[in-house]
Amino acid sequence: MFSIFSNSKAQTTPKSSIYDIKINGLNGSEIDLSTFKGKHILFVNVASKCGFTGQYEDLQKLYNTYQDKLMVIGVPCNQFGNQEPGTEKDIQTFCKLNYGVTFLMTEKIEVKGKNQHPLYQWLTKKVKNGKTDSSVKWNFQKYLIDTQGNLVNYYFSSTKPLSDKITKHLK
């Protein structure tokens, strides 16, 4: 007799794939996360008027150094101290002019609360990412995804983009 439960170990928490999530870029076109299979992805909720805004410079350096194996994706959010009040066009102009940003930037979204974007539901809920629950505490919190689409870890705003905590996974 055939059984769907044959020889399988105890099931782990179900998780969905990061690559199935849809999000638009600042320019309005969809970013297909599955195009980054085989690369690490670093998601960072960003803001233009924050004490951590200077991290854009190191995020760009990180991207320049590891772009063959890493995609940095900035995710504008205005939920912390109204520090990202601008339009998508304002954000794009600010990032290019002030920091020469060439890594991907998404549309402005909510990273917490009842209107939390599905991307941040996946990043912050163990039931979706299979690893850990977290909450986004402030702008420039970082989430690192490995080359197979698994959550590696998250890092608070005070962790600099070029920190060994992050770069050790890319070397």
Protein backbone atom coordinates (compact mmCIF):
# COMPACT_ATOMS: atom_id res chain seq x y z
CA MET A 1 0.00 0.00 0.00
CA PHE A 2 1.31 3.44 -0.94
CA SER A 3 1.66 6.02 1.82
CA ILE A 4 2.42 9.71 1.43
CA PHE A 5 4.23 9.51 4.78
CA SER A 6 6.70 6.83 3.75
CA ASN A 7 10.12 6.98 5.38
CA SER A 8 10.02 10.73 5.97
CA LYS A 9 11.46 12.31 9.07
CA ALA A 10 9.34 14.58 11.24
CA GLN A 11 8.26 17.61 9.26
CA THR A 12 9.85 20.91 10.02
CA THR A 13 8.08 24.23 10.06
CA PRO A 14 6.73 24.91 6.58
CA LYS A 15 8.35 27.79 4.82
CA SER A 16 7.66 29.63 1.63
CA SER A 17 10.31 30.73 -0.82
CA ILE A 18 11.75 34.24 -0.86
CA TYR A 19 11.90 33.84 -4.63
CA ASP A 20 8.09 33.75 -4.91
CA ILE A 21 7.61 37.21 -3.38
CA LYS A 22 6.68 40.08 -5.67
CA ILE A 23 7.97 43.62 -5.12
CA ASN A 24 8.36 46.58 -7.42
CA GLY A 25 11.43 48.72 -7.92
CA LEU A 26 11.51 52.49 -7.45
CA ASN A 27 10.89 52.82 -11.18
CA GLY A 28 7.66 50.78 -10.90
CA SER A 29 8.88 47.65 -12.69
CA GLU A 30 8.71 44.32 -10.87
CA ILE A 31 11.88 42.95 -9.29
CA ASP A 32 12.01 39.18 -9.84
CA LEU A 33 13.87 37.88 -6.79
CA SER A 34 14.36 34.48 -8.44
CA THR A 35 16.91 36.11 -10.78
CA PHE A 36 19.22 36.21 -7.73
CA LYS A 37 19.25 32.44 -7.12
CA GLY A 38 22.88 31.50 -6.57
CA LYS A 39 23.70 34.91 -5.04
CA HIS A 40 23.36 36.26 -1.53
CA ILE A 41 20.78 39.03 -1.09
CA LEU A 42 21.06 41.73 1.56
CA PHE A 43 17.76 43.51 2.22
CA VAL A 44 18.04 46.83 4.07
CA ASN A 45 15.13 49.07 5.03
CA VAL A 46 16.45 52.53 4.20
CA ALA A 47 15.59 56.18 4.87
CA SER A 48 17.02 59.44 3.54
CA LYS A 49 16.78 61.48 6.75
CA CYS A 50 18.15 59.08 9.35
CA GLY A 51 21.27 59.09 11.49
CA PHE A 52 22.24 55.86 9.69
CA THR A 53 21.71 57.28 6.17
CA GLY A 54 25.49 57.47 5.72
CA GLN A 55 25.43 53.66 5.53
CA TYR A 56 24.38 54.07 1.88
CA GLU A 57 28.08 54.72 1.17
CA ASP A 58 29.18 51.41 2.71
CA LEU A 59 26.24 49.54 1.18
CA GLN A 60 27.47 50.73 -2.22
CA LYS A 61 31.05 49.68 -1.37
CA LEU A 62 29.77 46.26 -0.24
CA TYR A 63 27.84 45.89 -3.49
CA ASN A 64 30.81 47.01 -5.61
CA THR A 65 33.12 44.55 -3.84
CA TYR A 66 30.86 41.48 -3.91
CA GLN A 67 28.43 42.11 -6.78
CA ASP A 68 29.45 38.84 -8.44
CA LYS A 69 27.97 36.98 -5.45
CA LEU A 70 25.70 39.55 -3.73
CA MET A 71 22.70 41.71 -4.56
CA VAL A 72 22.01 44.57 -2.17
CA ILE A 73 18.39 45.68 -2.19
CA GLY A 74 17.41 48.91 -0.45
CA VAL A 75 13.83 49.01 0.79
CA PRO A 76 12.60 52.55 1.52
CA CYS A 77 10.30 52.82 4.52
CA ASN A 78 8.76 55.80 6.32
CA GLN A 79 7.67 53.99 9.50
CA PHE A 80 10.50 55.15 11.78
CA GLY A 81 10.42 58.83 12.68
CA ASN A 82 9.00 59.82 9.25
CA GLN A 83 12.57 59.72 7.96
CA GLU A 84 11.67 58.71 4.39
CA PRO A 85 8.89 61.16 3.48
CA GLY A 86 9.74 61.58 -0.22
CA THR A 87 8.24 60.07 -3.34
CA GLU A 88 9.92 57.23 -5.20
CA LYS A 89 11.43 59.81 -7.58
CA ASP A 90 12.74 61.89 -4.64
CA ILE A 91 14.32 58.78 -3.09
CA GLN A 92 15.94 57.71 -6.37
CA THR A 93 17.37 61.19 -6.97
CA PHE A 94 18.67 61.46 -3.38
CA CYS A 95 20.41 58.06 -3.51
CA LYS A 96 22.05 58.64 -6.90
CA LEU A 97 23.18 62.22 -6.24
CA ASN A 98 24.41 61.79 -2.68
CA TYR A 99 25.74 58.21 -2.66
CA GLY A 100 26.00 57.05 -6.27
CA VAL A 101 23.72 54.11 -5.50
CA THR A 102 23.65 51.50 -8.27
CA PHE A 103 22.22 48.57 -6.29
CA LEU A 104 18.49 47.85 -6.49
CA MET A 105 15.96 49.98 -4.65
CA THR A 106 12.36 48.90 -4.17
CA GLU A 107 9.17 50.86 -3.93
CA LYS A 108 8.46 52.42 -0.53
CA ILE A 109 6.75 49.84 1.69
CA GLU A 110 5.75 49.11 5.28
CA VAL A 111 8.11 46.71 7.07
CA LYS A 112 5.95 46.21 10.18
CA GLY A 113 2.35 46.43 11.32
CA LYS A 114 -0.93 45.47 9.72
CA ASN A 115 0.15 46.61 6.24
CA GLN A 116 3.52 44.81 6.40
CA HIS A 117 4.69 43.92 2.90
CA PRO A 118 4.90 40.16 2.13
CA LEU A 119 8.70 40.49 1.78
CA TYR A 120 9.00 41.59 5.41
CA GLN A 121 6.43 39.04 6.53
CA TRP A 122 8.84 36.43 5.13
CA LEU A 123 11.95 38.07 6.60
CA THR A 124 10.46 38.47 10.11
CA LYS A 125 8.30 35.37 10.62
CA LYS A 126 9.78 31.94 11.34
CA VAL A 127 6.66 30.25 9.97
CA LYS A 128 7.61 31.72 6.57
CA ASN A 129 11.44 31.84 6.62
CA GLY A 130 11.95 28.60 8.58
CA LYS A 131 14.67 30.12 10.80
CA THR A 132 13.63 32.84 13.25
CA ASP A 133 11.14 35.49 14.26
CA SER A 134 12.33 39.09 14.41
CA SER A 135 10.96 42.60 14.34
CA VAL A 136 12.32 45.58 12.48
CA LYS A 137 13.52 48.00 15.15
CA TRP A 138 14.71 50.97 13.04
CA ASN A 139 15.94 52.12 9.65
CA PHE A 140 18.92 50.28 8.13
CA GLN A 141 18.19 46.91 9.74
CA LYS A 142 19.67 44.24 7.47
CA TYR A 143 18.55 40.74 6.46
CA LEU A 144 21.00 38.42 4.69
CA ILE A 145 19.76 35.61 2.44
CA ASP A 146 22.09 32.82 1.27
CA THR A 147 22.60 31.52 -2.26
CA GLN A 148 19.76 28.99 -1.88
CA GLY A 149 17.22 31.55 -0.63
CA ASN A 150 17.51 30.78 3.09
CA LEU A 151 17.64 33.44 5.79
CA VAL A 152 21.19 33.57 7.18
CA ASN A 153 20.64 36.21 9.88
CA TYR A 154 19.48 39.74 10.55
CA TYR A 155 21.54 42.65 11.84
CA PHE A 156 20.42 45.77 13.67
CA SER A 157 21.08 49.27 12.33
CA SER A 158 24.31 49.65 14.30
CA THR A 159 25.90 46.76 12.34
CA LYS A 160 27.84 48.42 9.55
CA PRO A 161 27.41 47.01 6.03
CA LEU A 162 31.12 46.13 5.78
CA SER A 163 31.12 44.39 9.18
CA ASP A 164 32.71 40.93 9.40
CA LYS A 165 29.32 39.71 10.66
CA ILE A 166 28.07 40.19 7.09
CA THR A 167 31.18 39.89 4.90
CA LYS A 168 32.28 36.54 6.40
CA HIS A 169 29.34 34.96 4.54
CA LEU A 170 30.49 36.43 1.22
CA LYS A 171 34.18 35.47 1.23
